Amino acid sequence: SRVGLEAMACSSLHASPTFQPVYSKVGGYKSVVSQWSLVPIRLQYFFSSESTGNQSVFMRQAQFPKDAPQLMKLHQIYSEQRFAGCIIRSETYWNDYVSAELGDTLWVMTTTSSSYHEDDSKNEDSEERIVGWISIRKRGGRYQLREFGADISADERDKETGEAKVTLKKPINMAFVMKELLSKALSQAGETVEGDEGSAVSLHLPTVVWNEIKRDASILDSCHQIYFDFDGVQVDDDDGWMYVVFDESKEQTNVFDSTMRNEDPVPHLVWPTDSF
């Protein structure tokens, strides 16, 4: 991760509650809380409504090595630069590990069709641009957000109001990205409404991601607020990630300092994709 880049500045592992005392006593490891939320998804609205908004986007499964350069850069901005504990992924890592680990469950949202016309191949503006990606998996009767991200390179917001500032590109709406990509992922997983208007599933996702979805759902339109059961959201944190710092003299802030400080603590997040 970007917290402790120098060799052996720290070591990390993930342990069940039963073994955490052992690692703490023997190895000096300490737990760091990753904030996660369990969000009920109203399937009838996901599958019965058409795509909303005027954004011209398309969904397809990720293609490697074609998508690796874009995904690497987008992941750096969305996750590596914002979260403590996040694995730094090289282009090789995306091609060799992520592509094999996620397989055909990794979906991307793009701004153009994946079908190219020969006449447009020389025009840079016609090139396909990835603006979001997702992968989910079912665990214990619920879905886990295994991988997610969006192009926030132009998404500058006012810290007080959360409203998007004027930028060169239109800021990405997280509620829109999640709804469209999650619809594809849930369909692939075999979820349907089957005439039951009350059918729902639960999605376990990082709280920082959920907070951004809530923010954007409220400023987009009322339709996006009915896809998720806001009143039924539960806190479901993960305190299994443990660290031991070998050299506290390092100038770089360690994971404990960054995540536990009183002012502007950095969210801790290791994507399940990277949970070896």
C-alpha atoms as a PDB file:
ATOM      1  CA  SER A   1       0.000   0.000   0.000  1.00  0.00           C
ATOM      2  CA  ARG A   2       1.044   3.643  -0.152  1.00  0.00           C
ATOM      3  CA  VAL A   3       1.186   3.564   3.650  1.00  0.00           C
ATOM      4  CA  GLY A   4       4.667   2.199   4.276  1.00  0.00           C
ATOM      5  CA  LEU A   5       6.161   1.938   0.785  1.00  0.00           C
ATOM      6  CA  GLU A   6       9.755   1.406   1.910  1.00  0.00           C
ATOM      7  CA  ALA A   7      10.961  -2.159   2.381  1.00  0.00           C
ATOM      8  CA  MET A   8       9.506  -3.843   5.443  1.00  0.00           C
ATOM      9  CA  ALA A   9       8.223  -0.631   7.005  1.00  0.00           C
ATOM     10  CA  CYS A  10       5.250  -2.672   8.170  1.00  0.00           C
ATOM     11  CA  SER A  11       3.582  -6.063   7.783  1.00  0.00           C
ATOM     12  CA  SER A  12      -0.097  -6.861   7.441  1.00  0.00           C
ATOM     13  CA  LEU A  13      -2.413  -9.858   7.629  1.00  0.00           C
ATOM     14  CA  HIS A  14      -6.110 -10.636   7.973  1.00  0.00           C
ATOM     15  CA  ALA A  15      -7.214 -12.728  10.936  1.00  0.00           C
ATOM     16  CA  SER A  16     -10.462 -14.031  12.359  1.00  0.00           C
ATOM     17  CA  PRO A  17     -11.466 -12.832  15.853  1.00  0.00           C
ATOM     18  CA  THR A  18     -10.271 -16.150  17.286  1.00  0.00           C
ATOM     19  CA  PHE A  19      -6.685 -15.675  16.123  1.00  0.00           C
ATOM     20  CA  GLN A  20      -6.330 -11.904  16.559  1.00  0.00           C
ATOM     21  CA  PRO A  21      -5.157 -12.220  20.218  1.00  0.00           C
ATOM     22  CA  VAL A  22      -2.501 -14.700  19.104  1.00  0.00           C
ATOM     23  CA  TYR A  23      -1.036 -12.396  16.444  1.00  0.00           C
ATOM     24  CA  SER A  24      -1.238  -9.476  18.852  1.00  0.00           C
ATOM     25  CA  LYS A  25       0.659 -11.294  21.588  1.00  0.00           C
ATOM     26  CA  VAL A  26       3.235 -13.113  19.467  1.00  0.00           C
ATOM     27  CA  GLY A  27       3.830 -10.639  16.661  1.00  0.00           C
ATOM     28  CA  GLY A  28       2.754  -7.313  18.117  1.00  0.00           C
ATOM     29  CA  TYR A  29       0.039  -6.863  15.496  1.00  0.00           C
ATOM     30  CA  LYS A  30      -2.774  -4.332  16.037  1.00  0.00           C
ATOM     31  CA  SER A  31      -6.180  -4.242  14.362  1.00  0.00           C
ATOM     32  CA  VAL A  32      -7.410  -1.482  12.078  1.00  0.00           C
ATOM     33  CA  VAL A  33     -11.145  -1.150  11.472  1.00  0.00           C
ATOM     34  CA  SER A  34     -12.424  -1.135   7.903  1.00  0.00           C
ATOM     35  CA  GLN A  35     -15.880   0.429   7.825  1.00  0.00           C
ATOM     36  CA  TRP A  36     -18.398  -1.577   5.778  1.00  0.00           C
ATOM     37  CA  SER A  37     -22.169  -1.322   5.373  1.00  0.00           C
ATOM     38  CA  LEU A  38     -24.842  -3.885   4.508  1.00  0.00           C
ATOM     39  CA  VAL A  39     -27.316  -2.269   2.105  1.00  0.00           C
ATOM     40  CA  PRO A  40     -30.635  -3.847   0.995  1.00  0.00           C
ATOM     41  CA  ILE A  41     -31.135  -3.628  -2.786  1.00  0.00           C
ATOM     42  CA  ARG A  42     -34.690  -3.425  -4.173  1.00  0.00           C
ATOM     43  CA  LEU A  43     -34.509  -5.737  -7.159  1.00  0.00           C
ATOM     44  CA  GLN A  44     -37.844  -4.764  -8.699  1.00  0.00           C
ATOM     45  CA  TYR A  45     -36.588  -1.214  -9.296  1.00  0.00           C
ATOM     46  CA  PHE A  46     -33.192  -2.324 -10.572  1.00  0.00           C
ATOM     47  CA  PHE A  47     -34.637  -4.592 -13.237  1.00  0.00           C
ATOM     48  CA  SER A  48     -37.905  -2.849 -14.098  1.00  0.00           C
ATOM     49  CA  SER A  49     -36.574   0.655 -14.682  1.00  0.00           C
ATOM     50  CA  GLU A  50     -34.692   1.902 -17.673  1.00  0.00           C
ATOM     51  CA  SER A  51     -31.339   3.640 -17.451  1.00  0.00           C
ATOM     52  CA  THR A  52     -31.775   7.192 -16.260  1.00  0.00           C
ATOM     53  CA  GLY A  53     -29.951  10.378 -17.031  1.00  0.00           C
ATOM     54  CA  ASN A  54     -28.552  11.736 -20.257  1.00  0.00           C
ATOM     55  CA  GLN A  55     -25.163  10.096 -19.888  1.00  0.00           C
ATOM     56  CA  SER A  56     -24.306   8.053 -22.962  1.00  0.00           C
ATOM     57  CA  VAL A  57     -22.659   4.993 -21.459  1.00  0.00           C
ATOM     58  CA  PHE A  58     -22.284   1.313 -22.224  1.00  0.00           C
ATOM     59  CA  MET A  59     -21.593  -1.740 -20.067  1.00  0.00           C
ATOM     60  CA  ARG A  60     -19.390  -4.670 -21.049  1.00  0.00           C
ATOM     61  CA  GLN A  61     -17.105  -7.226 -19.440  1.00  0.00           C
ATOM     62  CA  ALA A  62     -13.516  -6.141 -18.925  1.00  0.00           C
ATOM     63  CA  GLN A  63     -11.012  -7.071 -21.616  1.00  0.00           C
ATOM     64  CA  PHE A  64      -7.354  -7.731 -20.874  1.00  0.00           C
ATOM     65  CA  PRO A  65      -4.741  -6.551 -21.669  1.00  0.00           C
ATOM     66  CA  LYS A  66      -6.725  -3.837 -23.445  1.00  0.00           C
ATOM     67  CA  ASP A  67      -8.298  -2.315 -20.312  1.00  0.00           C
ATOM     68  CA  ALA A  68      -5.340  -2.689 -17.951  1.00  0.00           C
ATOM     69  CA  PRO A  69      -3.679   0.723 -18.585  1.00  0.00           C
ATOM     70  CA  GLN A  70      -6.905   2.672 -17.974  1.00  0.00           C
ATOM     71  CA  LEU A  71      -7.962   0.614 -14.964  1.00  0.00           C
ATOM     72  CA  MET A  72      -4.528   0.971 -13.381  1.00  0.00           C
ATOM     73  CA  LYS A  73      -4.588   4.765 -13.615  1.00  0.00           C
ATOM     74  CA  LEU A  74      -8.216   5.055 -12.495  1.00  0.00           C
ATOM     75  CA  HIS A  75      -7.623   2.749  -9.520  1.00  0.00           C
ATOM     76  CA  GLN A  76      -4.655   4.860  -8.455  1.00  0.00           C
ATOM     77  CA  ILE A  77      -6.850   7.940  -8.196  1.00  0.00           C
ATOM     78  CA  TYR A  78     -10.004   6.294  -6.864  1.00  0.00           C
ATOM     79  CA  SER A  79      -8.460   3.946  -4.276  1.00  0.00           C
ATOM     80  CA  GLU A  80      -4.687   4.103  -3.843  1.00  0.00           C
ATOM     81  CA  GLN A  81      -4.586   7.864  -3.277  1.00  0.00           C
ATOM     82  CA  ARG A  82      -7.637   7.925  -0.986  1.00  0.00           C
ATOM     83  CA  PHE A  83      -7.502   4.805   1.216  1.00  0.00           C
ATOM     84  CA  ALA A  84      -4.962   3.410   3.660  1.00  0.00           C
ATOM     85  CA  GLY A  85      -4.046  -0.249   3.180  1.00  0.00           C
ATOM     86  CA  CYS A  86      -5.003  -0.309  -0.495  1.00  0.00           C
ATOM     87  CA  ILE A  87      -2.772  -2.506  -2.648  1.00  0.00           C
ATOM     88  CA  ILE A  88      -0.732  -0.650  -5.284  1.00  0.00           C
ATOM     89  CA  ARG A  89      -1.456  -2.334  -8.608  1.00  0.00           C
ATOM     90  CA  SER A  90       0.869  -2.256 -11.570  1.00  0.00           C
ATOM     91  CA  GLU A  91      -0.307  -2.875 -15.113  1.00  0.00           C
ATOM     92  CA  THR A  92       1.231  -6.343 -14.869  1.00  0.00           C
ATOM     93  CA  TYR A  93      -0.725  -6.989 -11.660  1.00  0.00           C
ATOM     94  CA  TRP A  94      -3.970  -6.093 -13.446  1.00  0.00           C
ATOM     95  CA  ASN A  95      -3.157  -8.347 -16.402  1.00  0.00           C
ATOM     96  CA  ASP A  96      -1.775 -11.330 -14.514  1.00  0.00           C
ATOM     97  CA  TYR A  97      -3.624 -11.350 -11.177  1.00  0.00           C
ATOM     98  CA  VAL A  98      -6.810  -9.245 -11.283  1.00  0.00           C
ATOM     99  CA  SER A  99      -7.922 -10.590 -14.664  1.00  0.00           C
ATOM    100  CA  ALA A 100      -7.509 -14.182 -13.443  1.00  0.00           C
ATOM    101  CA  GLU A 101      -8.987 -13.561  -9.991  1.00  0.00           C
ATOM    102  CA  LEU A 102     -12.154 -11.795 -11.184  1.00  0.00           C
ATOM    103  CA  GLY A 103     -12.569 -13.412 -14.594  1.00  0.00           C
ATOM    104  CA  ASP A 104     -15.819 -12.561 -16.353  1.00  0.00           C
ATOM    105  CA  THR A 105     -17.343 -10.979 -13.202  1.00  0.00           C
ATOM    106  CA  LEU A 106     -15.495  -7.708 -13.816  1.00  0.00           C
ATOM    107  CA  TRP A 107     -17.745  -5.239 -15.630  1.00  0.00           C
ATOM    108  CA  VAL A 108     -16.764  -1.831 -16.957  1.00  0.00           C
ATOM    109  CA  MET A 109     -18.796   1.227 -17.898  1.00  0.00           C
ATOM    110  CA  THR A 110     -17.533   3.109 -20.946  1.00  0.00           C
ATOM    111  CA  THR A 111     -18.440   6.304 -22.744  1.00  0.00           C
ATOM    112  CA  THR A 112     -18.513   4.828 -26.255  1.00  0.00           C
ATOM    113  CA  SER A 113     -19.471   1.575 -27.925  1.00  0.00           C
ATOM    114  CA  SER A 114     -16.856  -1.168 -27.877  1.00  0.00           C
ATOM    115  CA  SER A 115     -17.357  -1.504 -31.658  1.00  0.00           C
ATOM    116  CA  TYR A 116     -14.898   0.724 -33.501  1.00  0.00           C
ATOM    117  CA  HIS A 117     -15.304   2.165 -36.974  1.00  0.00           C
ATOM    118  CA  GLU A 118     -12.201   2.287 -39.125  1.00  0.00           C
ATOM    119  CA  ASP A 119     -12.837   5.918 -39.983  1.00  0.00           C
ATOM    120  CA  ASP A 120     -12.857   6.852 -36.282  1.00  0.00           C
ATOM    121  CA  SER A 121      -9.715   4.947 -35.314  1.00  0.00           C
ATOM    122  CA  LYS A 122      -7.479   7.957 -35.891  1.00  0.00           C
ATOM    123  CA  ASN A 123      -9.650  10.300 -33.834  1.00  0.00           C
ATOM    124  CA  GLU A 124      -8.593  10.353 -30.169  1.00  0.00           C
ATOM    125  CA  ASP A 125     -12.002  11.664 -29.124  1.00  0.00           C
ATOM    126  CA  SER A 126     -13.636   8.510 -30.471  1.00  0.00           C
ATOM    127  CA  GLU A 127     -11.583   6.192 -28.250  1.00  0.00           C
ATOM    128  CA  GLU A 128     -13.383   4.259 -25.565  1.00  0.00           C
ATOM    129  CA  ARG A 129     -12.984   5.696 -22.071  1.00  0.00           C
ATOM    130  CA  ILE A 130     -13.696   3.658 -18.928  1.00  0.00           C
ATOM    131  CA  VAL A 131     -15.634   5.620 -16.307  1.00  0.00           C
ATOM    132  CA  GLY A 132     -16.521   2.854 -13.831  1.00  0.00           C
ATOM    133  CA  TRP A 133     -16.022  -0.825 -12.985  1.00  0.00           C
ATOM    134  CA  ILE A 134     -17.470  -3.455 -10.642  1.00  0.00           C
ATOM    135  CA  SER A 135     -17.235  -7.071  -9.514  1.00  0.00           C
ATOM    136  CA  ILE A 136     -19.393  -8.805  -6.912  1.00  0.00           C
ATOM    137  CA  ARG A 137     -19.503 -12.269  -5.377  1.00  0.00           C
ATOM    138  CA  LYS A 138     -22.021 -14.069  -3.196  1.00  0.00           C
ATOM    139  CA  ARG A 139     -20.887 -14.930   0.316  1.00  0.00           C
ATOM    140  CA  GLY A 140     -23.106 -16.253   3.094  1.00  0.00           C
ATOM    141  CA  GLY A 141     -26.420 -15.360   1.494  1.00  0.00           C
ATOM    142  CA  ARG A 142     -25.420 -11.823   0.558  1.00  0.00           C
ATOM    143  CA  TYR A 143     -23.355 -10.120  -2.117  1.00  0.00           C
ATOM    144  CA  GLN A 144     -19.968  -8.576  -1.437  1.00  0.00           C
ATOM    145  CA  LEU A 145     -18.632  -5.657  -3.449  1.00  0.00           C
ATOM    146  CA  ARG A 146     -15.387  -7.306  -4.449  1.00  0.00           C
ATOM    147  CA  GLU A 147     -14.153  -4.517  -6.685  1.00  0.00           C
ATOM    148  CA  PHE A 148     -15.437  -1.050  -7.571  1.00  0.00           C
ATOM    149  CA  GLY A 149     -14.259   2.297  -8.805  1.00  0.00           C
ATOM    150  CA  ALA A 150     -15.069   5.264 -10.979  1.00  0.00           C
ATOM    151  CA  ASP A 151     -13.285   8.020 -12.846  1.00  0.00           C
ATOM    152  CA  ILE A 152     -13.077  10.802 -10.271  1.00  0.00           C
ATOM    153  CA  SER A 153     -10.146  12.559 -11.927  1.00  0.00           C
ATOM    154  CA  ALA A 154     -12.374  15.563 -12.689  1.00  0.00           C
ATOM    155  CA  ASP A 155     -14.661  15.190  -9.686  1.00  0.00           C
ATOM    156  CA  GLU A 156     -13.794  18.129  -7.445  1.00  0.00           C
ATOM    157  CA  ARG A 157     -16.417  18.840  -4.782  1.00  0.00           C
ATOM    158  CA  ASP A 158     -17.033  21.488  -2.171  1.00  0.00           C
ATOM    159  CA  LYS A 159     -16.038  20.031   1.226  1.00  0.00           C
ATOM    160  CA  GLU A 160     -18.933  21.724   3.012  1.00  0.00           C
ATOM    161  CA  THR A 161     -21.845  21.038   0.630  1.00  0.00           C
ATOM    162  CA  GLY A 162     -20.615  18.026  -1.345  1.00  0.00           C
ATOM    163  CA  GLU A 163     -21.739  19.740  -4.557  1.00  0.00           C
ATOM    164  CA  ALA A 164     -19.635  19.289  -7.667  1.00  0.00           C
ATOM    165  CA  LYS A 165     -17.505  22.244  -8.716  1.00  0.00           C
ATOM    166  CA  VAL A 166     -17.158  23.294 -12.332  1.00  0.00           C
ATOM    167  CA  THR A 167     -14.551  21.132 -14.092  1.00  0.00           C
ATOM    168  CA  LEU A 168     -13.452  20.379 -17.642  1.00  0.00           C
ATOM    169  CA  LYS A 169     -15.301  17.054 -17.654  1.00  0.00           C
ATOM    170  CA  LYS A 170     -18.712  16.284 -16.217  1.00  0.00           C
ATOM    171  CA  PRO A 171     -18.270  14.744 -12.742  1.00  0.00           C
ATOM    172  CA  ILE A 172     -19.277  11.115 -12.403  1.00  0.00           C
ATOM    173  CA  ASN A 173     -22.415  10.417 -10.380  1.00  0.00           C
ATOM    174  CA  MET A 174     -21.666   7.471  -8.077  1.00  0.00           C
ATOM    175  CA  ALA A 175     -25.322   6.482  -7.678  1.00  0.00           C
ATOM    176  CA  PHE A 176     -25.721   6.265 -11.445  1.00  0.00           C
ATOM    177  CA  VAL A 177     -22.498   4.272 -11.905  1.00  0.00           C
ATOM    178  CA  MET A 178     -23.372   1.819  -9.127  1.00  0.00           C
ATOM    179  CA  LYS A 179     -26.958   1.269 -10.279  1.00  0.00           C
ATOM    180  CA  GLU A 180     -26.040   0.597 -13.905  1.00  0.00           C
ATOM    181  CA  LEU A 181     -23.064  -1.659 -13.206  1.00  0.00           C
ATOM    182  CA  LEU A 182     -24.723  -3.494 -10.317  1.00  0.00           C
ATOM    183  CA  SER A 183     -27.704  -4.299 -12.529  1.00  0.00           C
ATOM    184  CA  LYS A 184     -25.375  -6.121 -14.925  1.00  0.00           C
ATOM    185  CA  ALA A 185     -23.543  -7.902 -12.119  1.00  0.00           C
ATOM    186  CA  LEU A 186     -26.737  -9.056 -10.385  1.00  0.00           C
ATOM    187  CA  SER A 187     -28.230 -10.272 -13.658  1.00  0.00           C
ATOM    188  CA  GLN A 188     -25.074 -12.257 -14.331  1.00  0.00           C
ATOM    189  CA  ALA A 189     -25.381 -13.767 -10.838  1.00  0.00           C
ATOM    190  CA  GLY A 190     -28.870 -14.998 -11.717  1.00  0.00           C
ATOM    191  CA  GLU A 191     -30.959 -12.490  -9.773  1.00  0.00           C
ATOM    192  CA  THR A 192     -34.433 -11.737 -11.138  1.00  0.00           C
ATOM    193  CA  VAL A 193     -37.624 -10.179  -9.829  1.00  0.00           C
ATOM    194  CA  GLU A 194     -39.857 -13.103 -10.819  1.00  0.00           C
ATOM    195  CA  GLY A 195     -43.020 -11.140 -10.092  1.00  0.00           C
ATOM    196  CA  ASP A 196     -42.217 -10.550  -6.423  1.00  0.00           C
ATOM    197  CA  GLU A 197     -42.384  -6.814  -5.828  1.00  0.00           C
ATOM    198  CA  GLY A 198     -40.778  -7.209  -2.423  1.00  0.00           C
ATOM    199  CA  SER A 199     -37.754  -9.166  -3.608  1.00  0.00           C
ATOM    200  CA  ALA A 200     -34.440  -7.843  -2.354  1.00  0.00           C
ATOM    201  CA  VAL A 201     -30.826  -8.808  -1.805  1.00  0.00           C
ATOM    202  CA  SER A 202     -28.148  -7.297   0.416  1.00  0.00           C
ATOM    203  CA  LEU A 203     -24.871  -5.771  -0.756  1.00  0.00           C
ATOM    204  CA  HIS A 204     -21.876  -5.565   1.589  1.00  0.00           C
ATOM    205  CA  LEU A 205     -19.772  -2.591   0.534  1.00  0.00           C
ATOM    206  CA  PRO A 206     -17.252  -0.117   1.993  1.00  0.00           C
ATOM    207  CA  THR A 207     -19.010   2.621   3.944  1.00  0.00           C
ATOM    208  CA  VAL A 208     -17.012   5.342   2.189  1.00  0.00           C
ATOM    209  CA  VAL A 209     -18.391   4.077  -1.142  1.00  0.00           C
ATOM    210  CA  TRP A 210     -21.931   3.893   0.250  1.00  0.00           C
ATOM    211  CA  ASN A 211     -21.692   7.463   1.572  1.00  0.00           C
ATOM    212  CA  GLU A 212     -20.782   8.712  -1.899  1.00  0.00           C
ATOM    213  CA  ILE A 213     -23.691   6.801  -3.417  1.00  0.00           C
ATOM    214  CA  LYS A 214     -26.086   8.340  -0.871  1.00  0.00           C
ATOM    215  CA  ARG A 215     -24.708  11.807  -1.576  1.00  0.00           C
ATOM    216  CA  ASP A 216     -25.148  11.498  -5.327  1.00  0.00           C
ATOM    217  CA  ALA A 217     -28.521   9.750  -5.156  1.00  0.00           C
ATOM    218  CA  SER A 218     -29.900  12.740  -3.283  1.00  0.00           C
ATOM    219  CA  ILE A 219     -28.664  15.278  -5.825  1.00  0.00           C
ATOM    220  CA  LEU A 220     -29.437  13.280  -8.985  1.00  0.00           C
ATOM    221  CA  ASP A 221     -33.159  12.521  -8.939  1.00  0.00           C
ATOM    222  CA  SER A 222     -35.759  10.748  -6.825  1.00  0.00           C
ATOM    223  CA  CYS A 223     -35.573   7.575  -8.941  1.00  0.00           C
ATOM    224  CA  HIS A 224     -32.103   6.705  -7.707  1.00  0.00           C
ATOM    225  CA  GLN A 225     -33.254   6.934  -4.100  1.00  0.00           C
ATOM    226  CA  ILE A 226     -35.707   4.020  -4.454  1.00  0.00           C
ATOM    227  CA  TYR A 227     -33.149   1.474  -5.670  1.00  0.00           C
ATOM    228  CA  PHE A 228     -31.562   1.253  -2.214  1.00  0.00           C
ATOM    229  CA  ASP A 229     -33.338   0.739   1.119  1.00  0.00           C
ATOM    230  CA  PHE A 230     -31.774   3.628   3.039  1.00  0.00           C
ATOM    231  CA  ASP A 231     -33.672   2.809   6.242  1.00  0.00           C
ATOM    232  CA  GLY A 232     -32.520  -0.810   6.250  1.00  0.00           C
ATOM    233  CA  VAL A 233     -28.766  -0.167   6.078  1.00  0.00           C
ATOM    234  CA  GLN A 234     -26.716  -1.893   8.789  1.00  0.00           C
ATOM    235  CA  VAL A 235     -23.175  -1.308  10.031  1.00  0.00           C
ATOM    236  CA  ASP A 236     -21.043  -4.387   9.347  1.00  0.00           C
ATOM    237  CA  ASP A 237     -17.394  -3.424   9.894  1.00  0.00           C
ATOM    238  CA  ASP A 238     -14.324  -5.597   9.414  1.00  0.00           C
ATOM    239  CA  ASP A 239     -11.650  -5.404  12.134  1.00  0.00           C
ATOM    240  CA  GLY A 240      -9.686  -8.384  10.844  1.00  0.00           C
ATOM    241  CA  TRP A 241      -6.874  -6.439   9.174  1.00  0.00           C
ATOM    242  CA  MET A 242      -3.860  -6.277  11.470  1.00  0.00           C
ATOM    243  CA  TYR A 243      -0.550  -4.447  11.134  1.00  0.00           C
ATOM    244  CA  VAL A 244       2.799  -4.287  12.863  1.00  0.00           C
ATOM    245  CA  VAL A 245       5.095  -1.318  12.213  1.00  0.00           C
ATOM    246  CA  PHE A 246       8.776  -2.271  12.176  1.00  0.00           C
ATOM    247  CA  ASP A 247      10.307   1.192  11.888  1.00  0.00           C
ATOM    248  CA  GLU A 248       8.303   4.064  13.374  1.00  0.00           C
ATOM    249  CA  SER A 249      11.071   6.523  12.474  1.00  0.00           C
ATOM    250  CA  LYS A 250      10.003   6.476   8.833  1.00  0.00           C
ATOM    251  CA  GLU A 251       9.017   9.944   7.676  1.00  0.00           C
ATOM    252  CA  GLN A 252       5.976   8.529   5.927  1.00  0.00           C
ATOM    253  CA  THR A 253       2.797   8.335   8.024  1.00  0.00           C
ATOM    254  CA  ASN A 254       2.001   4.778   9.068  1.00  0.00           C
ATOM    255  CA  VAL A 255      -1.402   3.106   8.852  1.00  0.00           C
ATOM    256  CA  PHE A 256      -2.246   3.691  12.521  1.00  0.00           C
ATOM    257  CA  ASP A 257      -1.448   7.409  12.407  1.00  0.00           C
ATOM    258  CA  SER A 258      -3.426   8.002   9.226  1.00  0.00           C
ATOM    259  CA  THR A 259      -6.540   5.979  10.111  1.00  0.00           C
ATOM    260  CA  MET A 260      -6.841   6.830  13.817  1.00  0.00           C
ATOM    261  CA  ARG A 261      -6.078  10.553  13.869  1.00  0.00           C
ATOM    262  CA  ASN A 262      -8.832  12.836  15.145  1.00  0.00           C
ATOM    263  CA  GLU A 263      -8.835  15.208  12.166  1.00  0.00           C
ATOM    264  CA  ASP A 264      -9.577  13.883   8.666  1.00  0.00           C
ATOM    265  CA  PRO A 265      -8.767  10.213   9.314  1.00  0.00           C
ATOM    266  CA  VAL A 266      -8.006   8.197   6.164  1.00  0.00           C
ATOM    267  CA  PRO A 267     -10.479   5.356   5.525  1.00  0.00           C
ATOM    268  CA  HIS A 268      -8.895   1.913   5.657  1.00  0.00           C
ATOM    269  CA  LEU A 269      -9.767  -0.360   2.749  1.00  0.00           C
ATOM    270  CA  VAL A 270      -8.301  -3.478   1.206  1.00  0.00           C
ATOM    271  CA  TRP A 271     -10.466  -4.556  -1.703  1.00  0.00           C
ATOM    272  CA  PRO A 272     -11.526  -8.235  -1.493  1.00  0.00           C
ATOM    273  CA  THR A 273      -9.917  -8.637  -4.918  1.00  0.00           C
ATOM    274  CA  ASP A 274      -6.555  -8.296  -3.182  1.00  0.00           C
ATOM    275  CA  SER A 275      -7.310 -10.548  -0.203  1.00  0.00           C
ATOM    276  CA  PHE A 276      -4.912 -13.320  -1.127  1.00  0.00           C
END
